[in-house]
Amino acid sequence: MPPEVLRRLRCPVCGRPLAAVPPAAVVALRCPAGHSFDLARQGYVNLTAGRVTHSGDSPAMVAARDEFLGAGHYDLISTALADLAWAVAGSAPGTYPELVVDAGAGTGRHLGAVLDALPAAVGLALDVSKPALRRAARAHPRAGAALCDTWRGLPLADGEVGLLLNVFAPRNGPEFRRVLRSDGALLVVTPTAEHLGELVDRLGLLRVDPAKETRVAGSLAEHFTPGATAVHRATLRLDRTAIRTLVGMGPSAWHADPDRLDRRIDELPEPATVTVAVQVTAHHPR
């Protein structure tokens, strides 16, 4: 855990600062009240207080995501985030973010891209999935990782985050505003109605709600003002193996009948054309 990340963490039980135990070779984090949180051997720390509302992505889903992202298929998302991060924060020395947090970080690939664009910043990957955090803890040398349920609050001090990333993940508007600096920004990535459109009907995948962007803006409106926004599109040509991996890493993996899905994928042309279309928006604290 980078020291610049550690000093901004707070105990999820009492809200007091956390310190490394022992200081020289961290095996746990502990607050002055004695609440202690062990560092997993994979490098992340569990900063939940009690039971979480859900366990997040399964090992199979995380492995599929790591494989698909590792092949570069979603690099347009990483690049869009990195470019927007630099535009809204990195180019102005007075508002340099210092700490970048990814709430719902998954494997940490997008966070790593943003940290590459902001060489003096440190990062923190937050997720509720332990399999995801095992990978996120190794995603970048300037990043730490912590188990956290976004709906129960973020284990961070008030106003310490310069940039908060949220990619296809739940949004807790009040908590996001609490931890962001007044000159910080929340960068949100959501799928558009075109996203994976060629596969939705043919494979019976979950469909993107056409009103999703409106709902996202509404959920944040009390605490944020929307700023720069853009839709980013790319056309992928995927073989059936890559399509199986793509489906396996997303929410449809929880709902689709695997045998029927497999048959439908076998009926696709190879390679198949698949549209990636996402909206990336900067939200600024009110």
Protein backbone atom coordinates (compact mmCIF):
# COMPACT_ATOMS: atom_id res chain seq x y z
CA MET A 1 0.00 0.00 0.00
CA PRO A 2 1.69 3.28 -1.08
CA PRO A 3 2.19 5.63 1.91
CA GLU A 4 0.40 8.47 0.10
CA VAL A 5 -2.65 6.21 -0.21
CA LEU A 6 -2.42 4.88 3.35
CA ARG A 7 -2.51 8.31 4.98
CA ARG A 8 -5.84 9.01 3.30
CA LEU A 9 -7.52 5.77 4.40
CA ARG A 10 -9.94 5.69 7.31
CA CYS A 11 -11.20 2.89 9.53
CA PRO A 12 -14.57 1.65 8.23
CA VAL A 13 -15.75 1.08 11.81
CA CYS A 14 -14.92 4.38 13.55
CA GLY A 15 -13.60 6.64 10.80
CA ARG A 16 -10.21 7.25 12.42
CA PRO A 17 -6.88 7.17 10.52
CA LEU A 18 -5.18 3.86 9.79
CA ALA A 19 -1.51 3.03 10.26
CA ALA A 20 0.65 0.17 9.04
CA VAL A 21 1.47 -2.63 11.52
CA PRO A 22 4.40 -3.05 11.75
CA PRO A 23 5.50 0.18 10.01
CA ALA A 24 8.46 -1.39 8.20
CA ALA A 25 6.78 -4.53 6.80
CA VAL A 26 3.03 -4.09 6.55
CA VAL A 27 0.93 -7.11 7.50
CA ALA A 28 -2.12 -5.19 8.76
CA LEU A 29 -3.67 -1.75 9.13
CA ARG A 30 -4.86 -0.57 12.53
CA CYS A 31 -6.62 2.53 13.84
CA PRO A 32 -6.06 4.19 17.28
CA ALA A 33 -9.21 2.46 18.59
CA GLY A 34 -7.64 -0.95 17.89
CA HIS A 35 -9.68 -2.00 14.87
CA SER A 36 -7.33 -4.10 12.73
CA PHE A 37 -7.50 -5.14 9.08
CA ASP A 38 -5.15 -7.78 7.71
CA LEU A 39 -3.34 -7.37 4.42
CA ALA A 40 -4.05 -10.39 2.21
CA ARG A 41 -0.99 -12.16 0.82
CA GLN A 42 -2.17 -11.10 -2.67
CA GLY A 43 -1.64 -7.46 -1.64
CA TYR A 44 -5.09 -6.01 -0.92
CA VAL A 45 -6.66 -5.09 2.43
CA ASN A 46 -10.21 -5.89 3.50
CA LEU A 47 -11.75 -2.59 4.65
CA THR A 48 -15.32 -3.71 5.10
CA ALA A 49 -17.07 -3.45 8.44
CA GLY A 50 -19.14 -6.60 8.74
CA ARG A 51 -20.94 -8.40 5.95
CA VAL A 52 -21.13 -6.93 2.43
CA THR A 53 -24.34 -6.76 0.41
CA HIS A 54 -22.94 -9.02 -2.34
CA SER A 55 -19.71 -10.82 -3.25
CA GLY A 56 -19.16 -9.16 -6.63
CA ASP A 57 -17.72 -10.81 -9.71
CA SER A 58 -16.84 -14.50 -9.50
CA PRO A 59 -13.36 -15.91 -10.22
CA ALA A 60 -14.54 -17.04 -13.67
CA MET A 61 -15.91 -13.58 -14.52
CA VAL A 62 -12.71 -11.88 -13.36
CA ALA A 63 -10.55 -14.29 -15.35
CA ALA A 64 -12.66 -13.60 -18.45
CA ARG A 65 -12.39 -9.83 -17.93
CA ASP A 66 -8.64 -10.03 -17.44
CA GLU A 67 -8.29 -12.01 -20.67
CA PHE A 68 -10.57 -9.74 -22.71
CA LEU A 69 -9.07 -6.48 -21.46
CA GLY A 70 -5.57 -7.90 -21.75
CA ALA A 71 -6.20 -8.46 -25.46
CA GLY A 72 -6.79 -4.69 -25.80
CA HIS A 73 -10.43 -4.91 -26.87
CA TYR A 74 -11.54 -2.19 -24.43
CA ASP A 75 -8.47 0.01 -24.68
CA LEU A 76 -10.64 2.81 -26.06
CA ILE A 77 -12.19 3.08 -22.56
CA SER A 78 -8.80 3.28 -20.84
CA THR A 79 -7.58 5.82 -23.37
CA ALA A 80 -10.73 7.96 -23.08
CA LEU A 81 -10.43 8.00 -19.29
CA ALA A 82 -6.73 8.84 -19.37
CA ASP A 83 -7.27 11.67 -21.87
CA LEU A 84 -10.19 13.12 -19.91
CA ALA A 85 -8.29 12.79 -16.62
CA TRP A 86 -5.45 14.85 -18.06
CA ALA A 87 -7.84 17.39 -19.58
CA VAL A 88 -9.83 18.04 -16.39
CA ALA A 89 -7.06 17.74 -13.82
CA GLY A 90 -3.56 16.87 -14.98
CA SER A 91 -2.98 19.86 -17.24
CA ALA A 92 -3.50 22.40 -14.43
CA PRO A 93 -0.79 22.16 -11.72
CA GLY A 94 -3.05 23.74 -9.10
CA THR A 95 -5.64 20.97 -9.47
CA TYR A 96 -3.35 17.97 -9.91
CA PRO A 97 -5.33 15.03 -8.49
CA GLU A 98 -2.59 13.39 -6.31
CA LEU A 99 -4.98 10.52 -5.46
CA VAL A 100 -7.01 8.67 -8.11
CA VAL A 101 -9.62 6.20 -6.83
CA ASP A 102 -11.46 3.66 -8.98
CA ALA A 103 -14.74 2.67 -7.31
CA GLY A 104 -15.59 -0.70 -8.84
CA ALA A 105 -12.10 -1.14 -10.24
CA GLY A 106 -12.31 -4.77 -11.32
CA THR A 107 -8.84 -5.85 -12.41
CA GLY A 108 -7.49 -2.30 -12.18
CA ARG A 109 -6.60 -1.94 -15.87
CA HIS A 110 -8.40 1.41 -16.37
CA LEU A 111 -6.91 2.82 -13.16
CA GLY A 112 -3.45 1.81 -14.37
CA ALA A 113 -3.95 3.70 -17.64
CA VAL A 114 -4.98 6.87 -15.80
CA LEU A 115 -1.97 6.63 -13.47
CA ASP A 116 0.30 6.27 -16.51
CA ALA A 117 -1.15 9.57 -17.76
CA LEU A 118 -0.64 11.25 -14.36
CA PRO A 119 2.91 10.26 -13.34
CA ALA A 120 2.88 12.07 -9.98
CA ALA A 121 -0.42 10.60 -8.79
CA VAL A 122 -1.07 7.50 -6.70
CA GLY A 123 -4.11 5.26 -6.99
CA LEU A 124 -6.50 3.09 -5.02
CA ALA A 125 -8.61 0.29 -6.50
CA LEU A 126 -11.84 -0.40 -4.61
CA ASP A 127 -14.03 -3.40 -5.33
CA VAL A 128 -16.27 -5.87 -3.51
CA SER A 129 -14.84 -8.86 -5.42
CA LYS A 130 -11.83 -10.56 -3.85
CA PRO A 131 -10.84 -12.29 -7.12
CA ALA A 132 -10.81 -8.89 -8.83
CA LEU A 133 -8.70 -7.30 -6.11
CA ARG A 134 -6.08 -10.04 -6.33
CA ARG A 135 -5.38 -8.73 -9.82
CA ALA A 136 -5.97 -5.04 -9.08
CA ALA A 137 -3.35 -5.12 -6.31
CA ARG A 138 -0.76 -5.82 -9.03
CA ALA A 139 -2.20 -3.49 -11.67
CA HIS A 140 0.21 -0.59 -11.11
CA PRO A 141 3.24 0.07 -8.89
CA ARG A 142 1.70 3.32 -7.60
CA ALA A 143 -1.65 1.80 -6.63
CA GLY A 144 -3.08 0.01 -3.62
CA ALA A 145 -6.24 -2.09 -3.44
CA ALA A 146 -8.96 -2.52 -0.84
CA LEU A 147 -12.12 -4.57 -0.45
CA CYS A 148 -15.00 -2.13 -0.11
CA ASP A 149 -18.78 -2.15 -0.58
CA THR A 150 -19.61 1.15 -2.29
CA TRP A 151 -23.12 1.19 -0.82
CA ARG A 152 -21.78 1.00 2.74
CA GLY A 153 -19.37 3.89 2.28
CA LEU A 154 -15.80 4.46 1.14
CA PRO A 155 -12.91 4.00 3.64
CA LEU A 156 -11.43 7.40 2.81
CA ALA A 157 -11.06 10.76 4.52
CA ASP A 158 -13.27 13.67 3.50
CA GLY A 159 -12.09 15.69 0.50
CA GLU A 160 -8.90 13.72 -0.21
CA VAL A 161 -9.63 12.30 -3.69
CA GLY A 162 -8.66 14.31 -6.77
CA LEU A 163 -10.16 11.96 -9.37
CA LEU A 164 -12.78 9.28 -8.88
CA LEU A 165 -13.33 6.73 -11.66
CA ASN A 166 -16.55 4.78 -12.10
CA VAL A 167 -16.67 2.34 -15.02
CA PHE A 168 -19.83 0.23 -15.46
CA ALA A 169 -20.14 0.21 -11.66
CA PRO A 170 -22.60 1.31 -8.94
CA ARG A 171 -22.61 5.01 -8.00
CA ASN A 172 -23.03 6.31 -4.47
CA GLY A 173 -23.47 10.04 -5.09
CA PRO A 174 -23.28 11.30 -1.48
CA GLU A 175 -20.18 9.23 -0.71
CA PHE A 176 -18.47 10.18 -3.95
CA ARG A 177 -19.03 13.86 -3.13
CA ARG A 178 -17.81 13.44 0.44
CA VAL A 179 -14.43 12.00 -0.53
CA LEU A 180 -13.77 14.26 -3.54
CA ARG A 181 -11.90 17.52 -3.26
CA SER A 182 -13.89 20.62 -4.21
CA ASP A 183 -11.74 20.92 -7.35
CA GLY A 184 -11.87 17.18 -8.07
CA ALA A 185 -13.85 15.30 -10.69
CA LEU A 186 -15.86 12.11 -11.01
CA LEU A 187 -15.34 10.38 -14.38
CA VAL A 188 -18.23 8.03 -15.20
CA VAL A 189 -18.31 5.49 -18.04
CA THR A 190 -21.66 4.02 -19.07
CA PRO A 191 -22.63 1.86 -22.08
CA THR A 192 -24.84 3.43 -24.74
CA ALA A 193 -27.77 1.65 -26.38
CA GLU A 194 -25.45 0.67 -29.26
CA HIS A 195 -23.02 -1.16 -27.00
CA LEU A 196 -22.66 -4.80 -28.11
CA GLY A 197 -25.82 -4.29 -30.15
CA GLU A 198 -24.97 -7.03 -32.65
CA LEU A 199 -24.91 -9.61 -29.84
CA VAL A 200 -27.81 -8.55 -27.62
CA ASP A 201 -30.68 -10.05 -29.63
CA ARG A 202 -28.79 -12.94 -31.21
CA LEU A 203 -27.42 -14.18 -27.89
CA GLY A 204 -30.21 -13.04 -25.57
CA LEU A 205 -27.95 -10.74 -23.55
CA LEU A 206 -29.14 -8.11 -21.08
CA ARG A 207 -30.09 -4.93 -22.93
CA VAL A 208 -28.81 -1.46 -21.97
CA ASP A 209 -31.64 0.70 -20.66
CA PRO A 210 -32.14 3.54 -23.21
CA ALA A 211 -32.68 5.91 -20.29
CA LYS A 212 -29.51 4.84 -18.50
CA GLU A 213 -27.58 8.08 -19.00
CA THR A 214 -30.57 10.10 -17.77
CA ARG A 215 -30.80 7.92 -14.69
CA VAL A 216 -27.06 8.25 -14.03
CA ALA A 217 -27.26 12.04 -14.26
CA GLY A 218 -30.29 12.06 -12.00
CA SER A 219 -28.61 9.94 -9.35
CA LEU A 220 -25.70 12.39 -9.20
CA ALA A 221 -27.53 15.70 -9.76
CA GLU A 222 -27.86 16.62 -6.08
CA HIS A 223 -24.10 16.52 -5.56
CA PHE A 224 -22.51 17.04 -9.00
CA THR A 225 -22.71 19.20 -12.10
CA PRO A 226 -22.02 17.41 -15.40
CA GLY A 227 -19.15 18.73 -17.51
CA ALA A 228 -17.29 17.45 -20.54
CA THR A 229 -18.89 14.41 -22.14
CA ALA A 230 -18.26 12.34 -25.26
CA VAL A 231 -19.33 9.06 -26.82
CA HIS A 232 -16.51 6.75 -27.88
CA ARG A 233 -17.10 3.99 -30.43
CA ALA A 234 -15.05 1.20 -31.91
CA THR A 235 -15.82 -1.76 -34.14
CA LEU A 236 -14.29 -5.06 -33.06
CA ARG A 237 -13.97 -8.21 -35.13
CA LEU A 238 -14.09 -11.09 -32.68
CA ASP A 239 -13.84 -14.83 -33.05
CA ARG A 240 -16.18 -17.06 -31.10
CA THR A 241 -13.66 -17.65 -28.33
CA ALA A 242 -13.36 -13.91 -27.71
CA ILE A 243 -17.15 -13.54 -27.75
CA ARG A 244 -17.49 -16.27 -25.12
CA THR A 245 -14.95 -14.40 -23.02
CA LEU A 246 -16.78 -11.10 -23.51
CA VAL A 247 -20.12 -12.57 -22.45
CA GLY A 248 -18.51 -14.39 -19.53
CA MET A 249 -17.11 -11.22 -17.99
CA GLY A 250 -20.37 -9.24 -17.97
CA PRO A 251 -23.71 -9.28 -16.13
CA SER A 252 -25.25 -11.68 -18.65
CA ALA A 253 -22.96 -14.36 -17.21
CA TRP A 254 -25.26 -14.42 -14.16
CA HIS A 255 -28.48 -14.79 -16.16
CA ALA A 256 -27.95 -16.65 -19.45
CA ASP A 257 -28.50 -20.39 -19.83
CA PRO A 258 -24.96 -21.60 -20.64
CA ASP A 259 -25.95 -24.40 -23.03
CA ARG A 260 -28.32 -22.25 -25.06
CA LEU A 261 -25.80 -19.40 -25.09
CA ASP A 262 -23.08 -21.73 -26.33
CA ARG A 263 -25.28 -22.93 -29.19
CA ARG A 264 -26.11 -19.38 -30.21
CA ILE A 265 -22.45 -18.36 -30.22
CA ASP A 266 -21.65 -21.34 -32.47
CA GLU A 267 -24.17 -19.94 -34.98
CA LEU A 268 -22.41 -16.56 -35.26
CA PRO A 269 -20.22 -15.74 -38.25
CA GLU A 270 -16.51 -15.79 -37.58
CA PRO A 271 -15.16 -13.26 -37.10
CA ALA A 272 -18.23 -11.33 -35.95
CA THR A 273 -18.54 -7.55 -35.98
CA VAL A 274 -19.23 -6.12 -32.51
CA THR A 275 -19.75 -2.44 -31.65
CA VAL A 276 -18.27 -0.97 -28.48
CA ALA A 277 -19.98 2.33 -27.60
CA VAL A 278 -19.63 4.10 -24.26
CA GLN A 279 -20.30 7.57 -22.90
CA VAL A 280 -17.60 9.14 -20.73
CA THR A 281 -18.65 12.13 -18.62
CA ALA A 282 -16.87 14.33 -16.11
CA HIS A 283 -18.97 15.35 -13.11
CA HIS A 284 -17.81 18.21 -10.88
CA PRO A 285 -18.73 18.61 -7.19
CA ARG A 286 -21.36 21.23 -6.39
